[in-house]
Structure formats: structure tokens, C-alpha cells
Amino acid sequence: MEEVRMKKDWMCPHCIEEKGINPYWICNSSLCLKKRKMEPTGIAIYQAREQGYKSVAHLLMDKLKHDGWLKVNDDDDDLNRH
């Protein structure tokens, strides 16, 4: 939390996605994942760290990149394959 408080330009992953800065960086809450027709991760931080990721969000971002998922447009809440 202290690191986040120190960074004035910090944005949560969901806000970053909405601004289009990084289309793979999504909120990993169960509500947002279900909205995108994705399986909620549950408590996946241990799995993410075992695989070398800093967070579950980083794990999901990498998975989305490798699986070829892209957000088609800002009006569409679903992620679509390209």
C-alpha cells in the first residue's frame, strides 16, 4: 500500500484497461472475470508466484497474450479472439 500511495500516477489494473494503456491488463476480481466469460481464479497468488509472476494479474495478462485474446473495442465488455 505504501508503494501505491507514493506513486501519484498509479492506476488499478481495471482503470488501466479502461484507458486502453494495456489491453491485456484486466481486473482479476471474480465479477470482472465472469463478465468476460472467464473462470474466476480464486486464490491464485501462490500458483502465480510459483510460476514466477509478481501477481495474479500478471499471470492473467501473460495468459491472455499467449492465448491471443484482445479487447475488440471500448464498448464491448467481452474479450474476443483475433
Protein backbone atom coordinates (compact mmCIF):
# COMPACT_ATOMS: atom_id res chain seq x y z
CA MET A 1 0.00 0.00 0.00
CA GLU A 2 2.80 2.42 0.80
CA GLU A 3 4.29 1.97 -2.67
CA VAL A 4 0.91 2.71 -4.25
CA ARG A 5 0.40 5.78 -2.07
CA MET A 6 3.81 7.12 -3.11
CA LYS A 7 3.06 6.80 -6.84
CA LYS A 8 0.72 9.64 -7.78
CA ASP A 9 0.13 8.23 -11.27
CA TRP A 10 -0.71 4.68 -10.08
CA MET A 11 -3.86 3.18 -11.56
CA CYS A 12 -5.56 -0.07 -10.71
CA PRO A 13 -5.49 -2.77 -13.42
CA HIS A 14 -9.16 -2.21 -14.25
CA CYS A 15 -8.61 1.53 -14.78
CA ILE A 16 -5.57 0.83 -16.96
CA GLU A 17 -7.68 -1.43 -19.17
CA GLU A 18 -10.44 1.16 -19.47
CA LYS A 19 -7.90 3.78 -20.60
CA GLY A 20 -6.51 1.36 -23.19
CA ILE A 21 -2.93 1.60 -21.93
CA ASN A 22 -2.51 -2.17 -21.87
CA PRO A 23 -5.39 -4.20 -23.34
CA TYR A 24 -4.28 -7.41 -21.64
CA TRP A 25 -4.16 -5.95 -18.13
CA ILE A 26 -7.56 -6.70 -16.63
CA CYS A 27 -9.11 -6.60 -13.21
CA ASN A 28 -8.87 -10.12 -11.80
CA SER A 29 -11.87 -9.85 -9.50
CA SER A 30 -14.39 -12.63 -9.92
CA LEU A 31 -17.04 -10.14 -11.09
CA CYS A 32 -14.88 -8.76 -13.89
CA LEU A 33 -13.68 -12.19 -14.98
CA LYS A 34 -17.24 -13.56 -15.09
CA LYS A 35 -18.31 -10.53 -17.13
CA ARG A 36 -15.67 -11.56 -19.69
CA LYS A 37 -16.85 -15.17 -19.61
CA MET A 38 -13.61 -16.23 -17.91
CA GLU A 39 -13.27 -18.59 -14.97
CA PRO A 40 -12.54 -16.74 -11.70
CA THR A 41 -9.08 -17.56 -10.42
CA GLY A 42 -9.92 -17.95 -6.75
CA ILE A 43 -6.84 -17.61 -4.57
CA ALA A 44 -4.21 -17.99 -7.27
CA ILE A 45 -1.38 -15.87 -5.88
CA TYR A 46 0.58 -18.95 -4.81
CA GLN A 47 0.26 -20.50 -8.27
CA ALA A 48 1.25 -17.19 -9.88
CA ARG A 49 4.32 -16.77 -7.69
CA GLU A 50 5.38 -20.40 -8.22
CA GLN A 51 5.34 -19.69 -11.95
CA GLY A 52 7.44 -16.54 -11.48
CA TYR A 53 4.76 -13.87 -11.74
CA LYS A 54 4.54 -10.87 -9.39
CA SER A 55 0.76 -11.14 -9.14
CA VAL A 56 -2.32 -12.95 -10.40
CA ALA A 57 -2.93 -10.00 -12.72
CA HIS A 58 0.49 -10.57 -14.32
CA LEU A 59 -0.33 -14.28 -14.76
CA LEU A 60 -3.65 -13.43 -16.43
CA MET A 61 -2.06 -10.79 -18.65
CA ASP A 62 0.51 -13.28 -19.89
CA LYS A 63 -2.16 -15.95 -20.43
CA LEU A 64 -4.29 -13.52 -22.45
CA LYS A 65 -1.31 -12.54 -24.59
CA HIS A 66 -0.34 -16.14 -25.29
CA ASP A 67 -3.92 -17.27 -25.93
CA GLY A 68 -4.47 -14.48 -28.47
CA TRP A 69 -7.25 -12.66 -26.63
CA LEU A 70 -7.81 -9.00 -27.44
CA LYS A 71 -10.39 -6.46 -26.38
CA VAL A 72 -12.08 -5.53 -29.65
CA ASN A 73 -13.43 -2.10 -28.71
CA ASP A 74 -14.22 0.05 -25.68
CA ASP A 75 -17.97 -0.55 -25.99
CA ASP A 76 -17.61 -4.33 -25.88
CA ASP A 77 -17.19 -5.82 -22.42
CA ASP A 78 -16.17 -9.22 -23.80
CA LEU A 79 -12.71 -10.23 -24.85
CA ASN A 80 -12.63 -11.79 -28.29
CA ARG A 81 -10.15 -13.97 -30.11
CA HIS A 82 -8.45 -12.44 -33.10
